[in-house]
Amino acid sequence: AEEKISWSMPTFWKGHNIIHFAGFKNHVGLYP
């Protein structure tokens, strides 16, 4: 997978967005 910023979040991509993650005040958000 390639890394990029998508939807203003770190994203792993291979032909489409696979999974995103992001930093917030008290937690890491994972967006699968």
Full PDB file with SEQRES, HELIX, SHEET, SSBOND, CRYST1, ORIGX, SCALE, CONECT and MASTER records, all heavy atoms in Angstrom:
SEQRES   1 A   32  ALA GLU GLU LYS ILE SER TRP SER MET PRO THR PHE TRP          
SEQRES   2 A   32  LYS GLY HIS ASN ILE ILE HIS PHE ALA GLY PHE LYS ASN          
SEQRES   3 A   32  HIS VAL GLY LEU TYR PRO                                      
SHEET    1 AA1 4 GLU A   2  SER A   6  0                                        
SHEET    2 AA1 4 MET A   9  TRP A  13 -1                                        
SHEET    3 AA1 4 ASN A  17  GLY A  23 -1                                        
SHEET    4 AA1 4 VAL A  28  TYR A  31 -1                                        
CRYST1    1.000    1.000    1.000  90.00  90.00  90.00 P 1           1          
ORIGX1      1.000000  0.000000  0.000000        0.00000                         
ORIGX2      0.000000  1.000000  0.000000        0.00000                         
ORIGX3      0.000000  0.000000  1.000000        0.00000                         
SCALE1      1.000000  0.000000  0.000000        0.00000                         
SCALE2      0.000000  1.000000  0.000000        0.00000                         
SCALE3      0.000000  0.000000  1.000000        0.00000                         
ATOM      1  N   ALA A   1       0.837  -1.208   0.000  1.00  0.00           N  
ATOM      2  CA  ALA A   1       0.000   0.000   0.000  1.00  0.00           C  
ATOM      3  C   ALA A   1       0.870   1.255   0.000  1.00  0.00           C  
ATOM      4  O   ALA A   1       1.981   1.271   0.511  1.00  0.00           O  
ATOM      5  CB  ALA A   1      -0.922  -0.008   1.207  1.00  0.00           C  
ATOM      6  N   GLU A   2       0.311   2.324  -0.570  1.00  0.00           N  
ATOM      7  CA  GLU A   2       0.971   3.630  -0.553  1.00  0.00           C  
ATOM      8  C   GLU A   2       0.372   4.461   0.572  1.00  0.00           C  
ATOM      9  O   GLU A   2      -0.795   4.299   0.909  1.00  0.00           O  
ATOM     10  CB  GLU A   2       0.708   4.371  -1.866  1.00  0.00           C  
ATOM     11  CG  GLU A   2       1.333   3.744  -3.077  1.00  0.00           C  
ATOM     12  CD  GLU A   2       0.895   4.482  -4.342  1.00  0.00           C  
ATOM     13  OE1 GLU A   2       0.912   5.732  -4.342  1.00  0.00           O  
ATOM     14  OE2 GLU A   2       0.506   3.803  -5.296  1.00  0.00           O  
ATOM     15  N   GLU A   3       1.201   5.356   1.111  1.00  0.00           N  
ATOM     16  CA  GLU A   3       0.713   6.295   2.125  1.00  0.00           C  
ATOM     17  C   GLU A   3       0.359   7.610   1.447  1.00  0.00           C  
ATOM     18  O   GLU A   3       1.071   8.063   0.562  1.00  0.00           O  
ATOM     19  CB  GLU A   3       1.813   6.604   3.139  1.00  0.00           C  
ATOM     20  CG  GLU A   3       2.110   5.503   4.092  1.00  0.00           C  
ATOM     21  CD  GLU A   3       3.128   5.956   5.129  1.00  0.00           C  
ATOM     22  OE1 GLU A   3       4.056   6.707   4.798  1.00  0.00           O  
ATOM     23  OE2 GLU A   3       2.987   5.547   6.266  1.00  0.00           O  
ATOM     24  N   LYS A   4      -0.739   8.198   1.886  1.00  0.00           N  
ATOM     25  CA  LYS A   4      -1.075   9.536   1.414  1.00  0.00           C  
ATOM     26  C   LYS A   4      -2.000  10.191   2.429  1.00  0.00           C  
ATOM     27  O   LYS A   4      -2.437   9.553   3.382  1.00  0.00           O  
ATOM     28  CB  LYS A   4      -1.708   9.487   0.027  1.00  0.00           C  
ATOM     29  CG  LYS A   4      -3.051   8.771  -0.059  1.00  0.00           C  
ATOM     30  CD  LYS A   4      -3.523   8.768  -1.515  1.00  0.00           C  
ATOM     31  CE  LYS A   4      -4.987   8.499  -1.627  1.00  0.00           C  
ATOM     32  NZ  LYS A   4      -5.483   8.662  -2.980  1.00  0.00           N  
ATOM     33  N   ILE A   5      -2.267  11.465   2.208  1.00  0.00           N  
ATOM     34  CA  ILE A   5      -3.252  12.164   3.035  1.00  0.00           C  
ATOM     35  C   ILE A   5      -4.547  12.194   2.229  1.00  0.00           C  
ATOM     36  O   ILE A   5      -4.565  12.629   1.079  1.00  0.00           O  
ATOM     37  CB  ILE A   5      -2.797  13.605   3.379  1.00  0.00           C  
ATOM     38  CG1 ILE A   5      -1.492  13.602   4.189  1.00  0.00           C  
ATOM     39  CG2 ILE A   5      -3.907  14.361   4.120  1.00  0.00           C  
ATOM     40  CD1 ILE A   5      -1.602  13.065   5.602  1.00  0.00           C  
ATOM     41  N   SER A   6      -5.624  11.674   2.814  1.00  0.00           N  
ATOM     42  CA  SER A   6      -6.928  11.676   2.172  1.00  0.00           C  
ATOM     43  C   SER A   6      -7.959  12.005   3.245  1.00  0.00           C  
ATOM     44  O   SER A   6      -7.861  11.503   4.361  1.00  0.00           O  
ATOM     45  CB  SER A   6      -7.199  10.303   1.558  1.00  0.00           C  
ATOM     46  OG  SER A   6      -8.428  10.276   0.890  1.00  0.00           O  
ATOM     47  N   TRP A   7      -8.938  12.830   2.926  1.00  0.00           N  
ATOM     48  CA  TRP A   7      -9.900  13.296   3.929  1.00  0.00           C  
ATOM     49  C   TRP A   7      -9.156  13.931   5.114  1.00  0.00           C  
ATOM     50  O   TRP A   7      -9.542  13.770   6.263  1.00  0.00           O  
ATOM     51  CB  TRP A   7     -10.794  12.156   4.434  1.00  0.00           C  
ATOM     52  CG  TRP A   7     -11.567  11.476   3.354  1.00  0.00           C  
ATOM     53  CD1 TRP A   7     -11.265  10.275   2.758  1.00  0.00           C  
ATOM     54  CD2 TRP A   7     -12.749  11.932   2.720  1.00  0.00           C  
ATOM     55  NE1 TRP A   7     -12.188   9.981   1.797  1.00  0.00           N  
ATOM     56  CE2 TRP A   7     -13.123  10.981   1.757  1.00  0.00           C  
ATOM     57  CE3 TRP A   7     -13.545  13.063   2.869  1.00  0.00           C  
ATOM     58  CZ2 TRP A   7     -14.234  11.122   0.947  1.00  0.00           C  
ATOM     59  CZ3 TRP A   7     -14.654  13.204   2.066  1.00  0.00           C  
ATOM     60  CH2 TRP A   7     -14.990  12.248   1.122  1.00  0.00           C  
ATOM     61  N   SER A   8      -8.013  14.578   4.830  1.00  0.00           N  
ATOM     62  CA  SER A   8      -7.164  15.230   5.850  1.00  0.00           C  
ATOM     63  C   SER A   8      -6.590  14.265   6.869  1.00  0.00           C  
ATOM     64  O   SER A   8      -6.200  14.665   7.963  1.00  0.00           O  
ATOM     65  CB  SER A   8      -7.930  16.335   6.589  1.00  0.00           C  
ATOM     66  OG  SER A   8      -8.417  17.275   5.671  1.00  0.00           O  
ATOM     67  N   MET A   9      -6.536  12.973   6.538  1.00  0.00           N  
ATOM     68  CA  MET A   9      -6.007  11.966   7.469  1.00  0.00           C  
ATOM     69  C   MET A   9      -4.949  11.106   6.780  1.00  0.00           C  
ATOM     70  O   MET A   9      -5.041  10.866   5.578  1.00  0.00           O  
ATOM     71  CB  MET A   9      -7.120  11.018   7.927  1.00  0.00           C  
ATOM     72  CG  MET A   9      -8.175  11.639   8.787  1.00  0.00           C  
ATOM     73  SD  MET A   9      -9.355  10.371   9.322  1.00  0.00           S  
ATOM     74  CE  MET A   9     -10.415  10.245   7.891  1.00  0.00           C  
ATOM     75  N   PRO A  10      -3.987  10.589   7.568  1.00  0.00           N  
ATOM     76  CA  PRO A  10      -3.082   9.588   7.012  1.00  0.00           C  
ATOM     77  C   PRO A  10      -3.896   8.396   6.504  1.00  0.00           C  
ATOM     78  O   PRO A  10      -4.791   7.908   7.197  1.00  0.00           O  
ATOM     79  CB  PRO A  10      -2.208   9.193   8.195  1.00  0.00           C  
ATOM     80  CG  PRO A  10      -2.244  10.392   9.096  1.00  0.00           C  
ATOM     81  CD  PRO A  10      -3.639  10.923   8.948  1.00  0.00           C  
ATOM     82  N   THR A  11      -3.582   7.970   5.309  1.00  0.00           N  
ATOM     83  CA  THR A  11      -4.358   6.937   4.630  1.00  0.00           C  
ATOM     84  C   THR A  11      -3.428   5.938   3.956  1.00  0.00           C  
ATOM     85  O   THR A  11      -2.386   6.325   3.423  1.00  0.00           O  
ATOM     86  CB  THR A  11      -5.251   7.607   3.549  1.00  0.00           C  
ATOM     87  OG1 THR A  11      -6.096   8.554   4.198  1.00  0.00           O  
ATOM     88  CG2 THR A  11      -6.083   6.600   2.783  1.00  0.00           C  
ATOM     89  N   PHE A  12      -3.820   4.689   3.980  1.00  0.00           N  
ATOM     90  CA  PHE A  12      -3.115   3.664   3.202  1.00  0.00           C  
ATOM     91  C   PHE A  12      -3.996   3.339   2.010  1.00  0.00           C  
ATOM     92  O   PHE A  12      -5.204   3.114   2.161  1.00  0.00           O  
ATOM     93  CB  PHE A  12      -2.821   2.433   4.068  1.00  0.00           C  
ATOM     94  CG  PHE A  12      -1.662   2.671   4.980  1.00  0.00           C  
ATOM     95  CD1 PHE A  12      -1.826   3.349   6.169  1.00  0.00           C  
ATOM     96  CD2 PHE A  12      -0.385   2.256   4.630  1.00  0.00           C  
ATOM     97  CE1 PHE A  12      -0.754   3.616   7.005  1.00  0.00           C  
ATOM     98  CE2 PHE A  12       0.702   2.516   5.455  1.00  0.00           C  
ATOM     99  CZ  PHE A  12       0.515   3.186   6.636  1.00  0.00           C  
ATOM    100  N   TRP A  13      -3.388   3.334   0.816  1.00  0.00           N  
ATOM    101  CA  TRP A  13      -4.110   3.310  -0.441  1.00  0.00           C  
ATOM    102  C   TRP A  13      -3.498   2.300  -1.398  1.00  0.00           C  
ATOM    103  O   TRP A  13      -2.284   2.174  -1.477  1.00  0.00           O  
ATOM    104  CB  TRP A  13      -4.015   4.715  -1.030  1.00  0.00           C  
ATOM    105  CG  TRP A  13      -4.747   4.939  -2.309  1.00  0.00           C  
ATOM    106  CD1 TRP A  13      -6.030   5.359  -2.439  1.00  0.00           C  
ATOM    107  CD2 TRP A  13      -4.232   4.809  -3.639  1.00  0.00           C  
ATOM    108  NE1 TRP A  13      -6.342   5.479  -3.779  1.00  0.00           N  
ATOM    109  CE2 TRP A  13      -5.260   5.150  -4.521  1.00  0.00           C  
ATOM    110  CE3 TRP A  13      -3.002   4.423  -4.157  1.00  0.00           C  
ATOM    111  CZ2 TRP A  13      -5.102   5.119  -5.908  1.00  0.00           C  
ATOM    112  CZ3 TRP A  13      -2.836   4.388  -5.533  1.00  0.00           C  
ATOM    113  CH2 TRP A  13      -3.886   4.736  -6.383  1.00  0.00           C  
ATOM    114  N   LYS A  14      -4.332   1.570  -2.095  1.00  0.00           N  
ATOM    115  CA  LYS A  14      -3.879   0.719  -3.201  1.00  0.00           C  
ATOM    116  C   LYS A  14      -5.059   0.591  -4.151  1.00  0.00           C  
ATOM    117  O   LYS A  14      -5.921  -0.255  -3.991  1.00  0.00           O  
ATOM    118  CB  LYS A  14      -3.443  -0.654  -2.676  1.00  0.00           C  
ATOM    119  CG  LYS A  14      -3.020  -1.611  -3.775  1.00  0.00           C  
ATOM    120  CD  LYS A  14      -1.524  -1.751  -3.805  1.00  0.00           C  
ATOM    121  CE  LYS A  14      -1.124  -2.833  -4.692  1.00  0.00           C  
ATOM    122  NZ  LYS A  14      -0.577  -3.164  -5.672  1.00  0.00           N  
ATOM    123  N   GLY A  15      -5.161   1.526  -5.096  1.00  0.00           N  
ATOM    124  CA  GLY A  15      -6.294   1.545  -6.012  1.00  0.00           C  
ATOM    125  C   GLY A  15      -7.534   2.174  -5.393  1.00  0.00           C  
ATOM    126  O   GLY A  15      -8.423   2.637  -6.086  1.00  0.00           O  
ATOM    127  N   HIS A  16      -7.599   2.181  -4.088  1.00  0.00           N  
ATOM    128  CA  HIS A  16      -8.673   2.817  -3.320  1.00  0.00           C  
ATOM    129  C   HIS A  16      -8.160   2.988  -1.892  1.00  0.00           C  
ATOM    130  O   HIS A  16      -7.161   2.403  -1.513  1.00  0.00           O  
ATOM    131  CB  HIS A  16      -9.958   1.968  -3.337  1.00  0.00           C  
ATOM    132  CG  HIS A  16      -9.762   0.575  -2.804  1.00  0.00           C  
ATOM    133  ND1 HIS A  16      -9.675   0.292  -1.456  1.00  0.00           N  
ATOM    134  CD2 HIS A  16      -9.589  -0.616  -3.441  1.00  0.00           C  
ATOM    135  CE1 HIS A  16      -9.467  -1.010  -1.286  1.00  0.00           C  
ATOM    136  NE2 HIS A  16      -9.414  -1.579  -2.477  1.00  0.00           N  
ATOM    137  N   ASN A  17      -8.865   3.786  -1.090  1.00  0.00           N  
ATOM    138  CA  ASN A  17      -8.481   3.944   0.313  1.00  0.00           C  
ATOM    139  C   ASN A  17      -8.753   2.640   1.053  1.00  0.00           C  
ATOM    140  O   ASN A  17      -9.854   2.110   0.987  1.00  0.00           O  
ATOM    141  CB  ASN A  17      -9.274   5.084   0.965  1.00  0.00           C  
ATOM    142  CG  ASN A  17      -8.875   6.433   0.416  1.00  0.00           C  
ATOM    143  OD1 ASN A  17      -7.793   6.603  -0.131  1.00  0.00           O  
ATOM    144  ND2 ASN A  17      -9.752   7.412   0.543  1.00  0.00           N  
ATOM    145  N   ILE A  18      -7.739   2.137   1.759  1.00  0.00           N  
ATOM    146  CA  ILE A  18      -7.879   0.882   2.509  1.00  0.00           C  
ATOM    147  C   ILE A  18      -8.260   1.180   3.957  1.00  0.00           C  
ATOM    148  O   ILE A  18      -9.197   0.619   4.502  1.00  0.00           O  
ATOM    149  CB  ILE A  18      -6.567   0.072   2.468  1.00  0.00           C  
ATOM    150  CG1 ILE A  18      -6.189  -0.255   1.020  1.00  0.00           C  
ATOM    151  CG2 ILE A  18      -6.703  -1.207   3.307  1.00  0.00           C  
ATOM    152  CD1 ILE A  18      -4.756  -0.732   0.858  1.00  0.00           C  
ATOM    153  N   ILE A  19      -7.500   2.075   4.589  1.00  0.00           N  
ATOM    154  CA  ILE A  19      -7.711   2.371   6.011  1.00  0.00           C  
ATOM    155  C   ILE A  19      -7.109   3.744   6.308  1.00  0.00           C  
ATOM    156  O   ILE A  19      -6.098   4.124   5.715  1.00  0.00           O  
ATOM    157  CB  ILE A  19      -7.091   1.252   6.890  1.00  0.00           C  
ATOM    158  CG1 ILE A  19      -7.555   1.343   8.342  1.00  0.00           C  
ATOM    159  CG2 ILE A  19      -5.576   1.210   6.771  1.00  0.00           C  
ATOM    160  CD1 ILE A  19      -7.270   0.069   9.149  1.00  0.00           C  
ATOM    161  N   HIS A  20      -7.760   4.496   7.186  1.00  0.00           N  
ATOM    162  CA  HIS A  20      -7.277   5.819   7.616  1.00  0.00           C  
ATOM    163  C   HIS A  20      -7.005   5.770   9.120  1.00  0.00           C  
ATOM    164  O   HIS A  20      -7.609   4.973   9.831  1.00  0.00           O  
ATOM    165  CB  HIS A  20      -8.353   6.911   7.450  1.00  0.00           C  
ATOM    166  CG  HIS A  20      -9.021   6.992   6.136  1.00  0.00           C  
ATOM    167  ND1 HIS A  20      -8.499   7.674   5.068  1.00  0.00           N  
ATOM    168  CD2 HIS A  20     -10.210   6.492   5.711  1.00  0.00           C  
ATOM    169  CE1 HIS A  20      -9.346   7.599   4.045  1.00  0.00           C  
ATOM    170  NE2 HIS A  20     -10.389   6.883   4.414  1.00  0.00           N  
ATOM    171  N   PHE A  21      -6.147   6.688   9.585  1.00  0.00           N  
ATOM    172  CA  PHE A  21      -6.028   6.907  11.027  1.00  0.00           C  
ATOM    173  C   PHE A  21      -5.791   8.385  11.262  1.00  0.00           C  
ATOM    174  O   PHE A  21      -5.434   9.118  10.345  1.00  0.00           O  
ATOM    175  CB  PHE A  21      -4.926   6.027  11.654  1.00  0.00           C  
ATOM    176  CG  PHE A  21      -3.518   6.360  11.241  1.00  0.00           C  
ATOM    177  CD1 PHE A  21      -2.723   7.180  12.034  1.00  0.00           C  
ATOM    178  CD2 PHE A  21      -2.963   5.835  10.079  1.00  0.00           C  
ATOM    179  CE1 PHE A  21      -1.417   7.471  11.677  1.00  0.00           C  
ATOM    180  CE2 PHE A  21      -1.661   6.112   9.706  1.00  0.00           C  
ATOM    181  CZ  PHE A  21      -0.883   6.943  10.506  1.00  0.00           C  
ATOM    182  N   ALA A  22      -6.037   8.847  12.482  1.00  0.00           N  
ATOM    183  CA  ALA A  22      -5.888  10.264  12.785  1.00  0.00           C  
ATOM    184  C   ALA A  22      -5.644  10.464  14.271  1.00  0.00           C  
ATOM    185  O   ALA A  22      -6.044   9.642  15.085  1.00  0.00           O  
ATOM    186  CB  ALA A  22      -7.149  11.026  12.354  1.00  0.00           C  
ATOM    187  N   GLY A  23      -4.991  11.574  14.592  1.00  0.00           N  
ATOM    188  CA  GLY A  23      -4.733  11.918  15.982  1.00  0.00           C  
ATOM    189  C   GLY A  23      -5.758  12.908  16.488  1.00  0.00           C  
ATOM    190  O   GLY A  23      -6.088  13.880  15.805  1.00  0.00           O  
ATOM    191  N   PHE A  24      -6.280  12.655  17.668  1.00  0.00           N  
ATOM    192  CA  PHE A  24      -7.199  13.567  18.335  1.00  0.00           C  
ATOM    193  C   PHE A  24      -6.638  13.890  19.710  1.00  0.00           C  
ATOM    194  O   PHE A  24      -5.585  13.394  20.085  1.00  0.00           O  
ATOM    195  CB  PHE A  24      -8.603  12.948  18.421  1.00  0.00           C  
ATOM    196  CG  PHE A  24      -9.237  12.786  17.069  1.00  0.00           C  
ATOM    197  CD1 PHE A  24      -9.070  11.616  16.355  1.00  0.00           C  
ATOM    198  CD2 PHE A  24      -9.960  13.824  16.501  1.00  0.00           C  
ATOM    199  CE1 PHE A  24      -9.622  11.467  15.092  1.00  0.00           C  
ATOM    200  CE2 PHE A  24     -10.519  13.690  15.239  1.00  0.00           C  
ATOM    201  CZ  PHE A  24     -10.351  12.507  14.530  1.00  0.00           C  
ATOM    202  N   LYS A  25      -7.355  14.685  20.482  1.00  0.00           N  
ATOM    203  CA  LYS A  25      -6.846  15.139  21.773  1.00  0.00           C  
ATOM    204  C   LYS A  25      -6.494  13.972  22.702  1.00  0.00           C  
ATOM    205  O   LYS A  25      -5.437  13.962  23.311  1.00  0.00           O  
ATOM    206  CB  LYS A  25      -7.887  16.055  22.425  1.00  0.00           C  
ATOM    207  CG  LYS A  25      -7.380  16.746  23.666  1.00  0.00           C  
ATOM    208  CD  LYS A  25      -8.410  17.705  24.206  1.00  0.00           C  
ATOM    209  CE  LYS A  25      -7.926  18.324  25.493  1.00  0.00           C  
ATOM    210  NZ  LYS A  25      -8.993  19.008  26.196  1.00  0.00           N  
ATOM    211  N   ASN A  26      -7.397  12.984  22.809  1.00  0.00           N  
ATOM    212  CA  ASN A  26      -7.193  11.899  23.767  1.00  0.00           C  
ATOM    213  C   ASN A  26      -7.037  10.517  23.152  1.00  0.00           C  
ATOM    214  O   ASN A  26      -6.858   9.541  23.865  1.00  0.00           O  
ATOM    215  CB  ASN A  26      -8.379  11.844  24.741  1.00  0.00           C  
ATOM    216  CG  ASN A  26      -8.479  13.122  25.557  1.00  0.00           C  
ATOM    217  OD1 ASN A  26      -7.483  13.580  26.100  1.00  0.00           O  
ATOM    218  ND2 ASN A  26      -9.653  13.704  25.613  1.00  0.00           N  
ATOM    219  N   HIS A  27      -7.138  10.434  21.821  1.00  0.00           N  
ATOM    220  CA  HIS A  27      -7.107   9.106  21.207  1.00  0.00           C  
ATOM    221  C   HIS A  27      -6.619   9.138  19.760  1.00  0.00           C  
ATOM    222  O   HIS A  27      -6.588  10.185  19.127  1.00  0.00           O  
ATOM    223  CB  HIS A  27      -8.507   8.476  21.243  1.00  0.00           C  
ATOM    224  CG  HIS A  27      -9.493   9.162  20.352  1.00  0.00           C  
ATOM    225  ND1 HIS A  27     -10.207  10.271  20.747  1.00  0.00           N  
ATOM    226  CD2 HIS A  27      -9.895   8.905  19.081  1.00  0.00           C  
ATOM    227  CE1 HIS A  27     -10.991  10.671  19.757  1.00  0.00           C  
ATOM    228  NE2 HIS A  27     -10.826   9.851  18.727  1.00  0.00           N  
ATOM    229  N   VAL A  28      -6.254   7.945  19.290  1.00  0.00           N  
ATOM    230  CA  VAL A  28      -6.032   7.725  17.864  1.00  0.00           C  
ATOM    231  C   VAL A  28      -7.353   7.211  17.309  1.00  0.00           C  
ATOM    232  O   VAL A  28      -7.956   6.295  17.888  1.00  0.00           O  
ATOM    233  CB  VAL A  28      -4.939   6.655  17.617  1.00  0.00           C  
ATOM    234  CG1 VAL A  28      -4.853   6.301  16.130  1.00  0.00           C  
ATOM    235  CG2 VAL A  28      -3.583   7.121  18.123  1.00  0.00           C  
ATOM    236  N   GLY A  29      -7.815   7.797  16.227  1.00  0.00           N  
ATOM    237  CA  GLY A  29      -8.993   7.290  15.534  1.00  0.00           C  
ATOM    238  C   GLY A  29      -8.535   6.391  14.396  1.00  0.00           C  
ATOM    239  O   GLY A  29      -7.646   6.769  13.628  1.00  0.00           O  
ATOM    240  N   LEU A  30      -9.089   5.204  14.317  1.00  0.00           N  
ATOM    241  CA  LEU A  30      -8.809   4.284  13.212  1.00  0.00           C  
ATOM    242  C   LEU A  30     -10.099   4.155  12.417  1.00  0.00           C  
ATOM    243  O   LEU A  30     -11.170   3.953  12.997  1.00  0.00           O  
ATOM    244  CB  LEU A  30      -8.358   2.925  13.759  1.00  0.00           C  
ATOM    245  CG  LEU A  30      -7.841   1.924  12.721  1.00  0.00           C  
ATOM    246  CD1 LEU A  30      -6.466   2.358  12.190  1.00  0.00           C  
ATOM    247  CD2 LEU A  30      -7.746   0.526  13.310  1.00  0.00           C  
ATOM    248  N   TYR A  31      -9.995   4.267  11.102  1.00  0.00           N  
ATOM    249  CA  TYR A  31     -11.177   4.290  10.242  1.00  0.00           C  
ATOM    250  C   TYR A  31     -11.110   3.166   9.210  1.00  0.00           C  
ATOM    251  O   TYR A  31     -10.693   3.376   8.076  1.00  0.00           O  
ATOM    252  CB  TYR A  31     -11.296   5.662   9.552  1.00  0.00           C  
ATOM    253  CG  TYR A  31     -11.402   6.774  10.559  1.00  0.00           C  
ATOM    254  CD1 TYR A  31     -10.260   7.385  11.068  1.00  0.00           C  
ATOM    255  CD2 TYR A  31     -12.635   7.171  11.048  1.00  0.00           C  
ATOM    256  CE1 TYR A  31     -10.349   8.374  12.034  1.00  0.00           C  
ATOM    257  CE2 TYR A  31     -12.740   8.173  12.014  1.00  0.00           C  
ATOM    258  CZ  TYR A  31     -11.593   8.773  12.495  1.00  0.00           C  
ATOM    259  OH  TYR A  31     -11.685   9.743  13.452  1.00  0.00           O  
ATOM    260  N   PRO A  32     -11.514   1.957   9.608  1.00  0.00           N  
ATOM    261  CA  PRO A  32     -11.466   0.830   8.680  1.00  0.00           C  
ATOM    262  C   PRO A  32     -12.773   0.604   7.924  1.00  0.00           C  
ATOM    263  O   PRO A  32     -12.848  -0.260   7.060  1.00  0.00           O  
ATOM    264  CB  PRO A  32     -11.179  -0.347   9.608  1.00  0.00           C  
ATOM    265  CG  PRO A  32     -11.896   0.009  10.872  1.00  0.00           C  
ATOM    266  CD  PRO A  32     -11.808   1.519  10.981  1.00  0.00           C  
TER     267      PRO A  32                                                      
MASTER        0    0    0    0    4    0    0    6  266    1    0    3          
END                                                                             
